[in-house]
Amino acid sequence: MLLPILFQVKDIGSEPLDGDTLPVMDLFLMPELARSLKADGWAARVWARGDGKPARISVAKPGWMVVVRFDRLEFTPKLPESTWEPHDGAGWGCLEADPVTYQQLLGTVVK
């Protein structure tokens, strides 16, 4: 759902993977987002199974690359309501951040 907002998506066709031919997409951060995060040069490639779940994801920037392969991936249809309710002793915390602090936090994560 967030792909079109955060990424430029390019369909590059399909490639064989483990005996199946899977559709492959290249993802690039939207230029404005990449500039604001100082994350130019980042790219990802996703191989998708027929059910829409990723089979493999590679993420790269100049001089660095990681590839993750998913042999089995399951998503829960719905998280329990208690997931969103903080309770004592659970280590829950809340960070209130102004836009500058938020951008610094995102920049740290990208680095």
PDB file of N, CA and C in Angstrom:
ATOM      1  N   MET A   1       0.820  -1.182   0.000  1.00  0.00           N
ATOM      2  CA  MET A   1       0.000   0.000   0.000  1.00  0.00           C
ATOM      3  C   MET A   1       0.869   1.253   0.000  1.00  0.00           C
ATOM      4  N   LEU A   2       2.032   1.221   0.659  1.00  0.00           N
ATOM      5  CA  LEU A   2       2.897   2.403   0.704  1.00  0.00           C
ATOM      6  C   LEU A   2       3.890   2.464  -0.446  1.00  0.00           C
ATOM      7  N   LEU A   3       3.965   1.418  -1.258  1.00  0.00           N
ATOM      8  CA  LEU A   3       4.947   1.415  -2.343  1.00  0.00           C
ATOM      9  C   LEU A   3       4.872   2.655  -3.223  1.00  0.00           C
ATOM     10  N   PRO A   4       3.694   3.050  -3.720  1.00  0.00           N
ATOM     11  CA  PRO A   4       3.659   4.211  -4.616  1.00  0.00           C
ATOM     12  C   PRO A   4       3.996   5.531  -3.943  1.00  0.00           C
ATOM     13  N   ILE A   5       3.851   5.600  -2.621  1.00  0.00           N
ATOM     14  CA  ILE A   5       4.142   6.837  -1.909  1.00  0.00           C
ATOM     15  C   ILE A   5       5.636   6.975  -1.636  1.00  0.00           C
ATOM     16  N   LEU A   6       6.273   5.881  -1.275  1.00  0.00           N
ATOM     17  CA  LEU A   6       7.674   5.916  -0.866  1.00  0.00           C
ATOM     18  C   LEU A   6       8.653   5.565  -1.978  1.00  0.00           C
ATOM     19  N   PHE A   7       8.194   4.779  -2.945  1.00  0.00           N
ATOM     20  CA  PHE A   7       9.121   4.232  -3.936  1.00  0.00           C
ATOM     21  C   PHE A   7       8.669   4.467  -5.365  1.00  0.00           C
ATOM     22  N   GLN A   8       9.649   4.582  -6.237  1.00  0.00           N
ATOM     23  CA  GLN A   8       9.409   4.466  -7.661  1.00  0.00           C
ATOM     24  C   GLN A   8       9.548   2.978  -7.957  1.00  0.00           C
ATOM     25  N   VAL A   9       8.559   2.401  -8.613  1.00  0.00           N
ATOM     26  CA  VAL A   9       8.545   0.968  -8.883  1.00  0.00           C
ATOM     27  C   VAL A   9       8.707   0.755 -10.375  1.00  0.00           C
ATOM     28  N   LYS A  10       9.659  -0.122 -10.725  1.00  0.00           N
ATOM     29  CA  LYS A  10       9.902  -0.426 -12.135  1.00  0.00           C
ATOM     30  C   LYS A  10       9.764  -1.930 -12.342  1.00  0.00           C
ATOM     31  N   ASP A  11       8.837  -2.330 -13.191  1.00  0.00           N
ATOM     32  CA  ASP A  11       8.652  -3.740 -13.528  1.00  0.00           C
ATOM     33  C   ASP A  11       9.774  -4.126 -14.490  1.00  0.00           C
ATOM     34  N   ILE A  12      10.590  -5.097 -14.094  1.00  0.00           N
ATOM     35  CA  ILE A  12      11.692  -5.491 -14.988  1.00  0.00           C
ATOM     36  C   ILE A  12      11.457  -6.852 -15.626  1.00  0.00           C
ATOM     37  N   GLY A  13      10.212  -7.323 -15.564  1.00  0.00           N
ATOM     38  CA  GLY A  13       9.880  -8.592 -16.213  1.00  0.00           C
ATOM     39  C   GLY A  13       9.864  -9.730 -15.213  1.00  0.00           C
ATOM     40  N   SER A  14      10.414 -10.866 -15.620  1.00  0.00           N
ATOM     41  CA  SER A  14      10.439 -12.021 -14.727  1.00  0.00           C
ATOM     42  C   SER A  14      11.776 -12.734 -14.848  1.00  0.00           C
ATOM     43  N   GLU A  15      12.092 -13.491 -13.801  1.00  0.00           N
ATOM     44  CA  GLU A  15      13.349 -14.236 -13.747  1.00  0.00           C
ATOM     45  C   GLU A  15      13.081 -15.585 -13.089  1.00  0.00           C
ATOM     46  N   PRO A  16      13.861 -16.592 -13.468  1.00  0.00           N
ATOM     47  CA  PRO A  16      13.700 -17.884 -12.794  1.00  0.00           C
ATOM     48  C   PRO A  16      14.287 -17.841 -11.384  1.00  0.00           C
ATOM     49  N   LEU A  17      13.597 -18.502 -10.462  1.00  0.00           N
ATOM     50  CA  LEU A  17      14.077 -18.634  -9.089  1.00  0.00           C
ATOM     51  C   LEU A  17      13.521 -19.941  -8.537  1.00  0.00           C
ATOM     52  N   ASP A  18      14.401 -20.848  -8.193  1.00  0.00           N
ATOM     53  CA  ASP A  18      14.012 -22.137  -7.610  1.00  0.00           C
ATOM     54  C   ASP A  18      12.998 -22.889  -8.466  1.00  0.00           C
ATOM     55  N   GLY A  19      13.203 -22.878  -9.760  1.00  0.00           N
ATOM     56  CA  GLY A  19      12.337 -23.639 -10.651  1.00  0.00           C
ATOM     57  C   GLY A  19      11.066 -22.932 -11.076  1.00  0.00           C
ATOM     58  N   ASP A  20      10.792 -21.764 -10.536  1.00  0.00           N
ATOM     59  CA  ASP A  20       9.623 -20.976 -10.928  1.00  0.00           C
ATOM     60  C   ASP A  20      10.084 -19.714 -11.634  1.00  0.00           C
ATOM     61  N   THR A  21       9.249 -19.178 -12.466  1.00  0.00           N
ATOM     62  CA  THR A  21       9.522 -17.883 -13.083  1.00  0.00           C
ATOM     63  C   THR A  21       8.691 -16.853 -12.334  1.00  0.00           C
ATOM     64  N   LEU A  22       9.386 -15.919 -11.683  1.00  0.00           N
ATOM     65  CA  LEU A  22       8.719 -14.952 -10.816  1.00  0.00           C
ATOM     66  C   LEU A  22       8.824 -13.535 -11.360  1.00  0.00           C
ATOM     67  N   PRO A  23       7.781 -12.726 -11.177  1.00  0.00           N
ATOM     68  CA  PRO A  23       7.882 -11.313 -11.551  1.00  0.00           C
ATOM     69  C   PRO A  23       8.885 -10.602 -10.642  1.00  0.00           C
ATOM     70  N   VAL A  24       9.596  -9.640 -11.230  1.00  0.00           N
ATOM     71  CA  VAL A  24      10.635  -8.924 -10.502  1.00  0.00           C
ATOM     72  C   VAL A  24      10.398  -7.424 -10.650  1.00  0.00           C
ATOM     73  N   MET A  25      10.545  -6.704  -9.524  1.00  0.00           N
ATOM     74  CA  MET A  25      10.395  -5.251  -9.522  1.00  0.00           C
ATOM     75  C   MET A  25      11.634  -4.615  -8.908  1.00  0.00           C
ATOM     76  N   ASP A  26      12.059  -3.503  -9.471  1.00  0.00           N
ATOM     77  CA  ASP A  26      13.091  -2.687  -8.852  1.00  0.00           C
ATOM     78  C   ASP A  26      12.406  -1.533  -8.130  1.00  0.00           C
ATOM     79  N   LEU A  27      12.892  -1.227  -6.935  1.00  0.00           N
ATOM     80  CA  LEU A  27      12.327  -0.150  -6.124  1.00  0.00           C
ATOM     81  C   LEU A  27      13.409   0.873  -5.824  1.00  0.00           C
ATOM     82  N   PHE A  28      13.066   2.129  -5.987  1.00  0.00           N
ATOM     83  CA  PHE A  28      13.965   3.237  -5.671  1.00  0.00           C
ATOM     84  C   PHE A  28      13.190   4.221  -4.804  1.00  0.00           C
ATOM     85  N   LEU A  29      13.846   4.762  -3.780  1.00  0.00           N
ATOM     86  CA  LEU A  29      13.183   5.785  -2.979  1.00  0.00           C
ATOM     87  C   LEU A  29      12.767   6.940  -3.879  1.00  0.00           C
ATOM     88  N   MET A  30      11.621   7.541  -3.586  1.00  0.00           N
ATOM     89  CA  MET A  30      11.213   8.735  -4.322  1.00  0.00           C
ATOM     90  C   MET A  30      12.341   9.760  -4.198  1.00  0.00           C
ATOM     91  N   PRO A  31      12.675  10.472  -5.269  1.00  0.00           N
ATOM     92  CA  PRO A  31      13.821  11.391  -5.231  1.00  0.00           C
ATOM     93  C   PRO A  31      13.780  12.384  -4.073  1.00  0.00           C
ATOM     94  N   GLU A  32      12.596  12.922  -3.766  1.00  0.00           N
ATOM     95  CA  GLU A  32      12.487  13.896  -2.679  1.00  0.00           C
ATOM     96  C   GLU A  32      12.820  13.242  -1.332  1.00  0.00           C
ATOM     97  N   LEU A  33      12.339  12.020  -1.143  1.00  0.00           N
ATOM     98  CA  LEU A  33      12.601  11.287   0.090  1.00  0.00           C
ATOM     99  C   LEU A  33      14.079  10.915   0.194  1.00  0.00           C
ATOM    100  N   ALA A  34      14.653  10.448  -0.903  1.00  0.00           N
ATOM    101  CA  ALA A  34      16.079  10.086  -0.912  1.00  0.00           C
ATOM    102  C   ALA A  34      16.949  11.294  -0.576  1.00  0.00           C
ATOM    103  N   ARG A  35      16.613  12.454  -1.153  1.00  0.00           N
ATOM    104  CA  ARG A  35      17.386  13.675  -0.862  1.00  0.00           C
ATOM    105  C   ARG A  35      17.257  14.068   0.599  1.00  0.00           C
ATOM    106  N   SER A  36      16.026  14.050   1.113  1.00  0.00           N
ATOM    107  CA  SER A  36      15.832  14.487   2.495  1.00  0.00           C
ATOM    108  C   SER A  36      16.488  13.542   3.492  1.00  0.00           C
ATOM    109  N   LEU A  37      16.587  12.263   3.147  1.00  0.00           N
ATOM    110  CA  LEU A  37      17.235  11.283   4.027  1.00  0.00           C
ATOM    111  C   LEU A  37      18.722  11.115   3.725  1.00  0.00           C
ATOM    112  N   LYS A  38      19.189  11.844   2.707  1.00  0.00           N
ATOM    113  CA  LYS A  38      20.578  11.690   2.238  1.00  0.00           C
ATOM    114  C   LYS A  38      20.861  10.217   1.950  1.00  0.00           C
ATOM    115  N   ALA A  39      19.937   9.601   1.210  1.00  0.00           N
ATOM    116  CA  ALA A  39      20.022   8.174   0.907  1.00  0.00           C
ATOM    117  C   ALA A  39      20.059   7.938  -0.598  1.00  0.00           C
ATOM    118  N   ASP A  40      20.739   8.807  -1.319  1.00  0.00           N
ATOM    119  CA  ASP A  40      20.858   8.626  -2.760  1.00  0.00           C
ATOM    120  C   ASP A  40      21.640   7.343  -3.046  1.00  0.00           C
ATOM    121  N   GLY A  41      21.264   6.652  -4.102  1.00  0.00           N
ATOM    122  CA  GLY A  41      21.980   5.451  -4.497  1.00  0.00           C
ATOM    123  C   GLY A  41      21.410   4.160  -3.949  1.00  0.00           C
ATOM    124  N   TRP A  42      20.423   4.234  -3.068  1.00  0.00           N
ATOM    125  CA  TRP A  42      19.797   3.025  -2.536  1.00  0.00           C
ATOM    126  C   TRP A  42      18.846   2.446  -3.577  1.00  0.00           C
ATOM    127  N   ALA A  43      18.826   1.127  -3.686  1.00  0.00           N
ATOM    128  CA  ALA A  43      17.896   0.447  -4.592  1.00  0.00           C
ATOM    129  C   ALA A  43      17.539  -0.907  -3.996  1.00  0.00           C
ATOM    130  N   ALA A  44      16.381  -1.407  -4.358  1.00  0.00           N
ATOM    131  CA  ALA A  44      15.957  -2.731  -3.921  1.00  0.00           C
ATOM    132  C   ALA A  44      15.380  -3.469  -5.120  1.00  0.00           C
ATOM    133  N   ARG A  45      15.473  -4.779  -5.072  1.00  0.00           N
ATOM    134  CA  ARG A  45      14.863  -5.637  -6.089  1.00  0.00           C
ATOM    135  C   ARG A  45      14.054  -6.689  -5.346  1.00  0.00           C
ATOM    136  N   VAL A  46      12.815  -6.916  -5.802  1.00  0.00           N
ATOM    137  CA  VAL A  46      11.912  -7.863  -5.153  1.00  0.00           C
ATOM    138  C   VAL A  46      11.439  -8.884  -6.173  1.00  0.00           C
ATOM    139  N   TRP A  47      11.575 -10.160  -5.802  1.00  0.00           N
ATOM    140  CA  TRP A  47      11.034 -11.272  -6.575  1.00  0.00           C
ATOM    141  C   TRP A  47       9.754 -11.698  -5.856  1.00  0.00           C
ATOM    142  N   ALA A  48       8.611 -11.693  -6.545  1.00  0.00           N
ATOM    143  CA  ALA A  48       7.326 -11.957  -5.892  1.00  0.00           C
ATOM    144  C   ALA A  48       6.748 -13.301  -6.328  1.00  0.00           C
ATOM    145  N   ARG A  49       6.227 -14.033  -5.350  1.00  0.00           N
ATOM    146  CA  ARG A  49       5.531 -15.285  -5.642  1.00  0.00           C
ATOM    147  C   ARG A  49       4.122 -14.965  -6.172  1.00  0.00           C
ATOM    148  N   GLY A  50       3.426 -15.983  -6.642  1.00  0.00           N
ATOM    149  CA  GLY A  50       2.079 -15.807  -7.189  1.00  0.00           C
ATOM    150  C   GLY A  50       1.090 -15.248  -6.193  1.00  0.00           C
ATOM    151  N   ASP A  51       1.316 -15.504  -4.881  1.00  0.00           N
ATOM    152  CA  ASP A  51       0.401 -14.989  -3.863  1.00  0.00           C
ATOM    153  C   ASP A  51       0.759 -13.565  -3.433  1.00  0.00           C
ATOM    154  N   GLY A  52       1.757 -12.967  -4.091  1.00  0.00           N
ATOM    155  CA  GLY A  52       2.156 -11.596  -3.775  1.00  0.00           C
ATOM    156  C   GLY A  52       3.207 -11.483  -2.700  1.00  0.00           C
ATOM    157  N   LYS A  53       3.549 -12.575  -2.039  1.00  0.00           N
ATOM    158  CA  LYS A  53       4.570 -12.533  -0.993  1.00  0.00           C
ATOM    159  C   LYS A  53       5.955 -12.546  -1.629  1.00  0.00           C
ATOM    160  N   PRO A  54       6.903 -11.849  -1.025  1.00  0.00           N
ATOM    161  CA  PRO A  54       8.250 -11.843  -1.597  1.00  0.00           C
ATOM    162  C   PRO A  54       8.945 -13.199  -1.435  1.00  0.00           C
ATOM    163  N   ALA A  55       9.700 -13.592  -2.453  1.00  0.00           N
ATOM    164  CA  ALA A  55      10.523 -14.799  -2.398  1.00  0.00           C
ATOM    165  C   ALA A  55      11.964 -14.415  -2.080  1.00  0.00           C
ATOM    166  N   ARG A  56      12.380 -13.258  -2.581  1.00  0.00           N
ATOM    167  CA  ARG A  56      13.731 -12.746  -2.337  1.00  0.00           C
ATOM    168  C   ARG A  56      13.689 -11.229  -2.433  1.00  0.00           C
ATOM    169  N   ILE A  57      14.486 -10.578  -1.606  1.00  0.00           N
ATOM    170  CA  ILE A  57      14.632  -9.121  -1.647  1.00  0.00           C
ATOM    171  C   ILE A  57      16.114  -8.806  -1.555  1.00  0.00           C
ATOM    172  N   SER A  58      16.587  -7.960  -2.455  1.00  0.00           N
ATOM    173  CA  SER A  58      17.955  -7.456  -2.325  1.00  0.00           C
ATOM    174  C   SER A  58      17.883  -5.950  -2.132  1.00  0.00           C
ATOM    175  N   VAL A  59      18.725  -5.441  -1.248  1.00  0.00           N
ATOM    176  CA  VAL A  59      18.817  -4.007  -0.987  1.00  0.00           C
ATOM    177  C   VAL A  59      20.280  -3.639  -1.152  1.00  0.00           C
ATOM    178  N   ALA A  60      20.537  -2.553  -1.895  1.00  0.00           N
ATOM    179  CA  ALA A  60      21.922  -2.187  -2.171  1.00  0.00           C
ATOM    180  C   ALA A  60      22.087  -0.678  -2.206  1.00  0.00           C
ATOM    181  N   LYS A  61      23.291  -0.266  -1.898  1.00  0.00           N
ATOM    182  CA  LYS A  61      23.747   1.096  -2.118  1.00  0.00           C
ATOM    183  C   LYS A  61      25.198   0.952  -2.565  1.00  0.00           C
ATOM    184  N   PRO A  62      25.810   1.988  -3.076  1.00  0.00           N
ATOM    185  CA  PRO A  62      27.193   1.855  -3.529  1.00  0.00           C
ATOM    186  C   PRO A  62      28.096   1.282  -2.428  1.00  0.00           C
ATOM    187  N   GLY A  63      28.762   0.174  -2.735  1.00  0.00           N
ATOM    188  CA  GLY A  63      29.703  -0.451  -1.805  1.00  0.00           C
ATOM    189  C   GLY A  63      29.078  -1.366  -0.773  1.00  0.00           C
ATOM    190  N   TRP A  64      27.762  -1.640  -0.867  1.00  0.00           N
ATOM    191  CA  TRP A  64      27.091  -2.448   0.147  1.00  0.00           C
ATOM    192  C   TRP A  64      25.876  -3.125  -0.462  1.00  0.00           C
ATOM    193  N   MET A  65      25.614  -4.388  -0.074  1.00  0.00           N
ATOM    194  CA  MET A  65      24.444  -5.104  -0.582  1.00  0.00           C
ATOM    195  C   MET A  65      24.062  -6.207   0.396  1.00  0.00           C
ATOM    196  N   VAL A  66      22.765  -6.440   0.548  1.00  0.00           N
ATOM    197  CA  VAL A  66      22.253  -7.548   1.349  1.00  0.00           C
ATOM    198  C   VAL A  66      21.126  -8.203   0.552  1.00  0.00           C
ATOM    199  N   VAL A  67      21.069  -9.534   0.613  1.00  0.00           N
ATOM    200  CA  VAL A  67      20.015 -10.296  -0.048  1.00  0.00           C
ATOM    201  C   VAL A  67      19.344 -11.172   0.997  1.00  0.00           C
ATOM    202  N   VAL A  68      18.010 -11.137   1.026  1.00  0.00           N
ATOM    203  CA  VAL A  68      17.239 -11.951   1.955  1.00  0.00           C
ATOM    204  C   VAL A  68      16.332 -12.855   1.134  1.00  0.00           C
ATOM    205  N   ARG A  69      16.388 -14.140   1.452  1.00  0.00           N
ATOM    206  CA  ARG A  69      15.544 -15.123   0.764  1.00  0.00           C
ATOM    207  C   ARG A  69      14.502 -15.641   1.744  1.00  0.00           C
ATOM    208  N   PHE A  70      13.266 -15.744   1.287  1.00  0.00           N
ATOM    209  CA  PHE A  70      12.166 -16.215   2.113  1.00  0.00           C
ATOM    210  C   PHE A  70      11.745 -17.600   1.635  1.00  0.00           C
ATOM    211  N   ASP A  71      12.034 -18.629   2.421  1.00  0.00           N
ATOM    212  CA  ASP A  71      11.571 -19.974   2.084  1.00  0.00           C
ATOM    213  C   ASP A  71      10.117 -20.148   2.502  1.00  0.00           C
ATOM    214  N   ARG A  72       9.745 -19.520   3.606  1.00  0.00           N
ATOM    215  CA  ARG A  72       8.373 -19.581   4.095  1.00  0.00           C
ATOM    216  C   ARG A  72       8.077 -18.244   4.769  1.00  0.00           C
ATOM    217  N   LEU A  73       7.019 -17.609   4.363  1.00  0.00           N
ATOM    218  CA  LEU A  73       6.657 -16.313   4.921  1.00  0.00           C
ATOM    219  C   LEU A  73       5.159 -16.303   5.181  1.00  0.00           C
ATOM    220  N   GLU A  74       4.795 -15.998   6.418  1.00  0.00           N
ATOM    221  CA  GLU A  74       3.383 -15.945   6.775  1.00  0.00           C
ATOM    222  C   GLU A  74       3.078 -14.619   7.440  1.00  0.00           C
ATOM    223  N   PHE A  75       1.929 -14.069   7.114  1.00  0.00           N
ATOM    224  CA  PHE A  75       1.445 -12.852   7.742  1.00  0.00           C
ATOM    225  C   PHE A  75       0.184 -13.198   8.514  1.00  0.00           C
ATOM    226  N   THR A  76       0.060 -12.655   9.694  1.00  0.00           N
ATOM    227  CA  THR A  76      -1.161 -12.860  10.456  1.00  0.00           C
ATOM    228  C   THR A  76      -2.253 -11.997   9.844  1.00  0.00           C
ATOM    229  N   PRO A  77      -3.450 -12.521   9.714  1.00  0.00           N
ATOM    230  CA  PRO A  77      -4.505 -11.708   9.089  1.00  0.00           C
ATOM    231  C   PRO A  77      -4.850 -10.463   9.884  1.00  0.00           C
ATOM    232  N   LYS A  78      -4.739 -10.557  11.217  1.00  0.00           N
ATOM    233  CA  LYS A  78      -5.057  -9.407  12.042  1.00  0.00           C
ATOM    234  C   LYS A  78      -4.339  -9.557  13.376  1.00  0.00           C
ATOM    235  N   LEU A  79      -3.697  -8.504  13.817  1.00  0.00           N
ATOM    236  CA  LEU A  79      -3.066  -8.525  15.125  1.00  0.00           C
ATOM    237  C   LEU A  79      -4.132  -8.369  16.201  1.00  0.00           C
ATOM    238  N   PRO A  80      -3.941  -9.011  17.343  1.00  0.00           N
ATOM    239  CA  PRO A  80      -4.930  -8.847  18.415  1.00  0.00           C
ATOM    240  C   PRO A  80      -4.976  -7.396  18.894  1.00  0.00           C
ATOM    241  N   GLU A  81      -6.134  -6.967  19.350  1.00  0.00           N
ATOM    242  CA  GLU A  81      -6.304  -5.595  19.830  1.00  0.00           C
ATOM    243  C   GLU A  81      -5.315  -5.251  20.936  1.00  0.00           C
ATOM    244  N   SER A  82      -4.919  -6.242  21.747  1.00  0.00           N
ATOM    245  CA  SER A  82      -3.989  -5.992  22.842  1.00  0.00           C
ATOM    246  C   SER A  82      -2.622  -5.518  22.336  1.00  0.00           C
ATOM    247  N   THR A  83      -2.331  -5.766  21.060  1.00  0.00           N
ATOM    248  CA  THR A  83      -1.068  -5.304  20.473  1.00  0.00           C
ATOM    249  C   THR A  83      -0.929  -3.792  20.602  1.00  0.00           C
ATOM    250  N   TRP A  84      -2.045  -3.084  20.494  1.00  0.00           N
ATOM    251  CA  TRP A  84      -2.014  -1.624  20.457  1.00  0.00           C
ATOM    252  C   TRP A  84      -2.250  -0.997  21.821  1.00  0.00           C
ATOM    253  N   GLU A  85      -2.389  -1.823  22.865  1.00  0.00           N
ATOM    254  CA  GLU A  85      -2.650  -1.308  24.199  1.00  0.00           C
ATOM    255  C   GLU A  85      -1.406  -1.467  25.071  1.00  0.00           C
ATOM    256  N   PRO A  86      -0.725  -0.363  25.384  1.00  0.00           N
ATOM    257  CA  PRO A  86       0.455  -0.476  26.249  1.00  0.00           C
ATOM    258  C   PRO A  86       0.048  -0.916  27.654  1.00  0.00           C
ATOM    259  N   HIS A  87       0.938  -1.667  28.284  1.00  0.00           N
ATOM    260  CA  HIS A  87       0.675  -2.093  29.652  1.00  0.00           C
ATOM    261  C   HIS A  87       1.959  -2.011  30.465  1.00  0.00           C
ATOM    262  N   ASP A  88       1.810  -1.931  31.758  1.00  0.00           N
ATOM    263  CA  ASP A  88       2.953  -1.768  32.665  1.00  0.00           C
ATOM    264  C   ASP A  88       3.959  -2.903  32.507  1.00  0.00           C
ATOM    265  N   GLY A  89       5.245  -2.540  32.567  1.00  0.00           N
ATOM    266  CA  GLY A  89       6.309  -3.531  32.554  1.00  0.00           C
ATOM    267  C   GLY A  89       6.624  -4.114  31.199  1.00  0.00           C
ATOM    268  N   ALA A  90       5.965  -3.660  30.165  1.00  0.00           N
ATOM    269  CA  ALA A  90       6.190  -4.235  28.839  1.00  0.00           C
ATOM    270  C   ALA A  90       7.284  -3.518  28.066  1.00  0.00           C
ATOM    271  N   GLY A  91       7.886  -2.502  28.674  1.00  0.00           N
ATOM    272  CA  GLY A  91       8.929  -1.770  27.969  1.00  0.00           C
ATOM    273  C   GLY A  91       8.389  -0.802  26.932  1.00  0.00           C
ATOM    274  N   TRP A  92       7.107  -0.521  27.015  1.00  0.00           N
ATOM    275  CA  TRP A  92       6.498   0.405  26.068  1.00  0.00           C
ATOM    276  C   TRP A  92       6.976   1.821  26.358  1.00  0.00           C
ATOM    277  N   GLY A  93       7.148   2.563  25.340  1.00  0.00           N
ATOM    278  CA  GLY A  93       7.510   3.953  25.501  1.00  0.00           C
ATOM    279  C   GLY A  93       7.016   4.738  24.306  1.00  0.00           C
ATOM    280  N   CYS A  94       7.021   6.003  24.437  1.00  0.00           N
ATOM    281  CA  CYS A  94       6.557   6.863  23.366  1.00  0.00           C
ATOM    282  C   CYS A  94       7.569   7.982  23.181  1.00  0.00           C
ATOM    283  N   LEU A  95       7.921   8.223  21.961  1.00  0.00           N
ATOM    284  CA  LEU A  95       8.849   9.296  21.656  1.00  0.00           C
ATOM    285  C   LEU A  95       8.088  10.370  20.903  1.00  0.00           C
ATOM    286  N   GLU A  96       8.033  11.539  21.478  1.00  0.00           N
ATOM    287  CA  GLU A  96       7.446  12.671  20.772  1.00  0.00           C
ATOM    288  C   GLU A  96       8.580  13.400  20.095  1.00  0.00           C
ATOM    289  N   ALA A  97       8.453  13.591  18.795  1.00  0.00           N
ATOM    290  CA  ALA A  97       9.541  14.196  18.038  1.00  0.00           C
ATOM    291  C   ALA A  97       9.017  15.301  17.133  1.00  0.00           C
ATOM    292  N   ASP A  98       9.732  16.411  17.132  1.00  0.00           N
ATOM    293  CA  ASP A  98       9.410  17.472  16.192  1.00  0.00           C
ATOM    294  C   ASP A  98       9.982  17.057  14.833  1.00  0.00           C
ATOM    295  N   PRO A  99       9.635  17.756  13.751  1.00  0.00           N
ATOM    296  CA  PRO A  99      10.099  17.348  12.421  1.00  0.00           C
ATOM    297  C   PRO A  99      11.622  17.228  12.294  1.00  0.00           C
ATOM    298  N   VAL A 100      12.375  18.093  12.928  1.00  0.00           N
ATOM    299  CA  VAL A 100      13.835  18.037  12.832  1.00  0.00           C
ATOM    300  C   VAL A 100      14.354  16.753  13.487  1.00  0.00           C
ATOM    301  N   THR A 101      13.865  16.443  14.682  1.00  0.00           N
ATOM    302  CA  THR A 101      14.286  15.231  15.385  1.00  0.00           C
ATOM    303  C   THR A 101      13.873  13.987  14.602  1.00  0.00           C
ATOM    304  N   TYR A 102      12.670  14.003  14.033  1.00  0.00           N
ATOM    305  CA  TYR A 102      12.179  12.880  13.241  1.00  0.00           C
ATOM    306  C   TYR A 102      13.092  12.653  12.032  1.00  0.00           C
ATOM    307  N   GLN A 103      13.485  13.723  11.349  1.00  0.00           N
ATOM    308  CA  GLN A 103      14.373  13.593  10.195  1.00  0.00           C
ATOM    309  C   GLN A 103      15.730  13.067  10.619  1.00  0.00           C
ATOM    310  N   GLN A 104      16.242  13.496  11.758  1.00  0.00           N
ATOM    311  CA  GLN A 104      17.530  12.984  12.269  1.00  0.00           C
ATOM    312  C   GLN A 104      17.415  11.493  12.563  1.00  0.00           C
ATOM    313  N   LEU A 105      16.290  11.071  13.149  1.00  0.00           N
ATOM    314  CA  LEU A 105      16.089   9.663  13.452  1.00  0.00           C
ATOM    315  C   LEU A 105      16.050   8.839  12.167  1.00  0.00           C
ATOM    316  N   LEU A 106      15.311   9.288  11.172  1.00  0.00           N
ATOM    317  CA  LEU A 106      15.261   8.574   9.906  1.00  0.00           C
ATOM    318  C   LEU A 106      16.635   8.529   9.245  1.00  0.00           C
ATOM    319  N   GLY A 107      17.384   9.636   9.318  1.00  0.00           N
ATOM    320  CA  GLY A 107      18.726   9.664   8.752  1.00  0.00           C
ATOM    321  C   GLY A 107      19.653   8.654   9.422  1.00  0.00           C
ATOM    322  N   THR A 108      19.517   8.498  10.731  1.00  0.00           N
ATOM    323  CA  THR A 108      20.324   7.527  11.466  1.00  0.00           C
ATOM    324  C   THR A 108      19.984   6.113  11.054  1.00  0.00           C
ATOM    325  N   VAL A 109      18.692   5.829  10.865  1.00  0.00           N
ATOM    326  CA  VAL A 109      18.271   4.494  10.458  1.00  0.00           C
ATOM    327  C   VAL A 109      18.816   4.160   9.073  1.00  0.00           C
ATOM    328  N   VAL A 110      18.792   5.109   8.161  1.00  0.00           N
ATOM    329  CA  VAL A 110      19.259   4.876   6.795  1.00  0.00           C
ATOM    330  C   VAL A 110      20.764   4.647   6.752  1.00  0.00           C
ATOM    331  N   LYS A 111      21.503   5.334   7.641  1.00  0.00           N
ATOM    332  CA  LYS A 111      22.959   5.168   7.665  1.00  0.00           C
ATOM    333  C   LYS A 111      23.301   3.791   8.162  1.00  0.00           C
TER     334      LYS A 111
END
